[in-house]
Structure formats: C-alpha cells, structure tokens
Amino acid sequence: MIFLSKDAKNQKKNGQKLLGVLDVVVDRNHFGRQKFSFEGEISSTIDNKKHNGVFIRAPGILEVGKRTKVLGTIEHDKCKTFPVAVQQGSLLATSFHPELTDDTAWHLHFLEMVKKSRRK
C-alpha cells in the first residue's frame, strides 16, 4: 500500500520512492510498531460482512481520493473509523494481512477483479 500511494507520512529519511498510482495518503506504521500488532474486526463492503484482520506494522489510510473506493474499515483508537482496504480500478490495497487468516473473502474478491480485467 505504501509503495503504491500518492503520498506517505512518517517515511524513513531517504526512504523508498513511491509509485503514486493509488490515490491515497497513508501513514507508515500508523497502528504502531510490530509489538503493537493486533487482530481486529473489519467491516467490509465486498460482501457486507465482518472479517477478522491481522495488523502488523500496518499503514493507516489518512486520505482517500475520489477515484478510490473504500472496501473495509475498522473501529480503532477510541472508536474512530479508519479505512483499511481500498480499490482503485485494478489496484487493491489493505492495511492488514488477509493471508494470515482462514477467511478467503479478500482473496476471492481479488480473483474476481482479475477475472473482470481478463474479460476486457
């Protein structure tokens, strides 16, 4: 997500250049360093269900551009709602690690994106 974003806060000095192809502004390690990793409940628009997410040194999405759709949010930091999954065209980015749970919803959504792109 950080690498794709148009801007990132709290980057390392002389750190990685950004591609700038995803219309979001992110905050590196927004939810804290690795020792503050956590699991949280994500509200999803991909299937209108709740999903468990594993957050490890996760970036936070501070701003979402008009071309970008929020697919998932989490209540965190005294009930403030944060976007944690976004899609912009064929780009999909998450603050959490969907591969670390048994829930396949995010993977299935990604596969549907691939199928749709192949039909064009």
C-alpha atoms as a PDB file:
ATOM      1  CA  MET A   1       0.000   0.000   0.000  1.00  0.00           C
ATOM      2  CA  ILE A   2       2.733   2.460   0.931  1.00  0.00           C
ATOM      3  CA  PHE A   3       4.681   1.865  -2.289  1.00  0.00           C
ATOM      4  CA  LEU A   4       1.549   2.413  -4.420  1.00  0.00           C
ATOM      5  CA  SER A   5       0.306   5.533  -2.583  1.00  0.00           C
ATOM      6  CA  LYS A   6       0.484   9.104  -3.857  1.00  0.00           C
ATOM      7  CA  ASP A   7       1.919  10.271  -0.511  1.00  0.00           C
ATOM      8  CA  ALA A   8       3.115   8.721   2.735  1.00  0.00           C
ATOM      9  CA  LYS A   9       3.663  10.319   6.112  1.00  0.00           C
ATOM     10  CA  ASN A  10       6.423   9.255   8.528  1.00  0.00           C
ATOM     11  CA  GLN A  11       8.572   7.776   5.789  1.00  0.00           C
ATOM     12  CA  LYS A  12      12.152   6.848   6.578  1.00  0.00           C
ATOM     13  CA  LYS A  13      14.653   9.558   5.654  1.00  0.00           C
ATOM     14  CA  ASN A  14      15.828   8.896   2.080  1.00  0.00           C
ATOM     15  CA  GLY A  15      13.358   6.017   2.067  1.00  0.00           C
ATOM     16  CA  GLN A  16      11.597   4.220  -0.712  1.00  0.00           C
ATOM     17  CA  LYS A  17      10.280   6.251  -3.629  1.00  0.00           C
ATOM     18  CA  LEU A  18       6.519   5.982  -4.140  1.00  0.00           C
ATOM     19  CA  LEU A  19       4.838   4.947  -7.385  1.00  0.00           C
ATOM     20  CA  GLY A  20       1.978   7.389  -6.764  1.00  0.00           C
ATOM     21  CA  VAL A  21      -0.588   5.285  -8.635  1.00  0.00           C
ATOM     22  CA  LEU A  22      -3.057   4.801  -5.762  1.00  0.00           C
ATOM     23  CA  ASP A  23      -4.999   7.943  -4.811  1.00  0.00           C
ATOM     24  CA  VAL A  24      -4.488   7.668  -1.049  1.00  0.00           C
ATOM     25  CA  VAL A  25      -2.329   9.304   1.591  1.00  0.00           C
ATOM     26  CA  VAL A  26      -1.018   6.805   4.118  1.00  0.00           C
ATOM     27  CA  ASP A  27       0.782   6.950   7.439  1.00  0.00           C
ATOM     28  CA  ARG A  28       3.586   4.415   7.752  1.00  0.00           C
ATOM     29  CA  ASN A  29       3.215   2.188  10.864  1.00  0.00           C
ATOM     30  CA  HIS A  30       0.047   4.098  11.755  1.00  0.00           C
ATOM     31  CA  PHE A  31      -1.203   1.455  14.188  1.00  0.00           C
ATOM     32  CA  GLY A  32       2.181   1.126  15.896  1.00  0.00           C
ATOM     33  CA  ARG A  33       5.368  -0.867  15.677  1.00  0.00           C
ATOM     34  CA  GLN A  34       5.413  -4.654  15.469  1.00  0.00           C
ATOM     35  CA  LYS A  35       4.997  -5.152  19.226  1.00  0.00           C
ATOM     36  CA  PHE A  36       1.609  -3.394  18.929  1.00  0.00           C
ATOM     37  CA  SER A  37       0.316  -5.824  16.298  1.00  0.00           C
ATOM     38  CA  PHE A  38      -3.317  -6.797  16.787  1.00  0.00           C
ATOM     39  CA  GLU A  39      -6.322  -8.537  15.278  1.00  0.00           C
ATOM     40  CA  GLY A  40      -9.436  -6.512  14.601  1.00  0.00           C
ATOM     41  CA  GLU A  41     -12.890  -6.772  13.086  1.00  0.00           C
ATOM     42  CA  ILE A  42     -13.173  -5.254   9.628  1.00  0.00           C
ATOM     43  CA  SER A  43     -16.496  -4.017   8.256  1.00  0.00           C
ATOM     44  CA  SER A  44     -16.475  -4.889   4.567  1.00  0.00           C
ATOM     45  CA  THR A  45     -18.431  -3.698   1.546  1.00  0.00           C
ATOM     46  CA  ILE A  46     -17.198  -6.597  -0.617  1.00  0.00           C
ATOM     47  CA  ASP A  47     -19.846  -8.857   0.909  1.00  0.00           C
ATOM     48  CA  ASN A  48     -21.380  -6.683   3.670  1.00  0.00           C
ATOM     49  CA  LYS A  49     -19.927  -8.946   6.356  1.00  0.00           C
ATOM     50  CA  LYS A  50     -17.408  -8.612   9.167  1.00  0.00           C
ATOM     51  CA  HIS A  51     -13.958 -10.133   8.696  1.00  0.00           C
ATOM     52  CA  ASN A  52     -11.032 -10.628  11.027  1.00  0.00           C
ATOM     53  CA  GLY A  53      -7.860  -8.779  10.076  1.00  0.00           C
ATOM     54  CA  VAL A  54      -4.288  -9.151  11.305  1.00  0.00           C
ATOM     55  CA  PHE A  55      -2.484  -5.809  11.585  1.00  0.00           C
ATOM     56  CA  ILE A  56       1.317  -5.933  11.772  1.00  0.00           C
ATOM     57  CA  ARG A  57       3.175  -2.602  11.483  1.00  0.00           C
ATOM     58  CA  ALA A  58       0.164  -1.557   9.449  1.00  0.00           C
ATOM     59  CA  PRO A  59      -0.104   1.656   7.474  1.00  0.00           C
ATOM     60  CA  GLY A  60      -3.152   3.819   8.113  1.00  0.00           C
ATOM     61  CA  ILE A  61      -5.103   5.448   5.313  1.00  0.00           C
ATOM     62  CA  LEU A  62      -5.388   9.142   6.150  1.00  0.00           C
ATOM     63  CA  GLU A  63      -6.993  10.377   2.923  1.00  0.00           C
ATOM     64  CA  VAL A  64      -8.883   8.658   0.125  1.00  0.00           C
ATOM     65  CA  GLY A  65      -9.108  10.299  -3.288  1.00  0.00           C
ATOM     66  CA  LYS A  66     -12.229  10.498  -5.445  1.00  0.00           C
ATOM     67  CA  ARG A  67     -11.055   7.669  -7.721  1.00  0.00           C
ATOM     68  CA  THR A  68     -10.547   5.268  -4.816  1.00  0.00           C
ATOM     69  CA  LYS A  69     -13.276   3.166  -3.203  1.00  0.00           C
ATOM     70  CA  VAL A  70     -13.121   2.158   0.470  1.00  0.00           C
ATOM     71  CA  LEU A  71     -13.857  -1.573   0.813  1.00  0.00           C
ATOM     72  CA  GLY A  72     -13.146  -2.082   4.510  1.00  0.00           C
ATOM     73  CA  THR A  73     -12.986  -0.088   7.739  1.00  0.00           C
ATOM     74  CA  ILE A  74     -12.041  -0.754  11.343  1.00  0.00           C
ATOM     75  CA  GLU A  75     -13.017   0.935  14.592  1.00  0.00           C
ATOM     76  CA  HIS A  76      -9.780   1.830  16.348  1.00  0.00           C
ATOM     77  CA  ASP A  77      -8.351   4.455  18.680  1.00  0.00           C
ATOM     78  CA  LYS A  78     -11.402   5.300  20.776  1.00  0.00           C
ATOM     79  CA  CYS A  79     -13.939   4.256  18.132  1.00  0.00           C
ATOM     80  CA  LYS A  80     -12.511   6.309  15.285  1.00  0.00           C
ATOM     81  CA  THR A  81     -13.285   4.635  11.960  1.00  0.00           C
ATOM     82  CA  PHE A  82     -10.297   4.070   9.680  1.00  0.00           C
ATOM     83  CA  PRO A  83     -10.306   2.786   6.094  1.00  0.00           C
ATOM     84  CA  VAL A  84      -8.158  -0.357   5.907  1.00  0.00           C
ATOM     85  CA  ALA A  85      -8.956  -1.727   2.441  1.00  0.00           C
ATOM     86  CA  VAL A  86      -9.276   0.230  -0.804  1.00  0.00           C
ATOM     87  CA  GLN A  87      -9.660  -0.395  -4.505  1.00  0.00           C
ATOM     88  CA  GLN A  88      -8.880   1.860  -7.423  1.00  0.00           C
ATOM     89  CA  GLY A  89      -9.509   0.215 -10.759  1.00  0.00           C
ATOM     90  CA  SER A  90      -7.321  -2.872 -10.864  1.00  0.00           C
ATOM     91  CA  LEU A  91      -5.404  -1.928  -7.695  1.00  0.00           C
ATOM     92  CA  LEU A  92      -6.323  -3.470  -4.348  1.00  0.00           C
ATOM     93  CA  ALA A  93      -4.566  -2.475  -1.131  1.00  0.00           C
ATOM     94  CA  THR A  94      -5.074  -3.481   2.506  1.00  0.00           C
ATOM     95  CA  SER A  95      -3.564  -2.306   5.785  1.00  0.00           C
ATOM     96  CA  PHE A  96      -3.941  -5.817   7.190  1.00  0.00           C
ATOM     97  CA  HIS A  97      -2.623  -9.225   6.152  1.00  0.00           C
ATOM     98  CA  PRO A  98      -5.515 -11.239   4.648  1.00  0.00           C
ATOM     99  CA  GLU A  99      -3.183 -14.194   4.107  1.00  0.00           C
ATOM    100  CA  LEU A 100      -2.823 -14.703   7.867  1.00  0.00           C
ATOM    101  CA  THR A 101      -6.419 -15.815   8.480  1.00  0.00           C
ATOM    102  CA  ASP A 102      -8.559 -18.687   7.179  1.00  0.00           C
ATOM    103  CA  ASP A 103     -11.025 -16.160   5.722  1.00  0.00           C
ATOM    104  CA  THR A 104     -10.816 -16.194   1.913  1.00  0.00           C
ATOM    105  CA  ALA A 105     -13.161 -13.251   1.205  1.00  0.00           C
ATOM    106  CA  TRP A 106     -10.368 -10.810   0.269  1.00  0.00           C
ATOM    107  CA  HIS A 107      -8.628 -13.380  -1.910  1.00  0.00           C
ATOM    108  CA  LEU A 108     -11.882 -14.204  -3.684  1.00  0.00           C
ATOM    109  CA  HIS A 109     -12.525 -10.502  -4.277  1.00  0.00           C
ATOM    110  CA  PHE A 110      -9.052 -10.163  -5.789  1.00  0.00           C
ATOM    111  CA  LEU A 111      -9.658 -13.168  -8.062  1.00  0.00           C
ATOM    112  CA  GLU A 112     -12.942 -11.597  -9.229  1.00  0.00           C
ATOM    113  CA  MET A 113     -11.021  -8.412 -10.055  1.00  0.00           C
ATOM    114  CA  VAL A 114      -8.591 -10.471 -12.145  1.00  0.00           C
ATOM    115  CA  LYS A 115     -11.431 -12.288 -13.952  1.00  0.00           C
ATOM    116  CA  LYS A 116     -13.132  -8.976 -14.791  1.00  0.00           C
ATOM    117  CA  SER A 117      -9.914  -7.484 -16.104  1.00  0.00           C
ATOM    118  CA  ARG A 118      -9.317 -10.504 -18.367  1.00  0.00           C
ATOM    119  CA  ARG A 119     -12.786 -10.116 -19.948  1.00  0.00           C
ATOM    120  CA  LYS A 120     -11.944  -6.632 -21.217  1.00  0.00           C
END
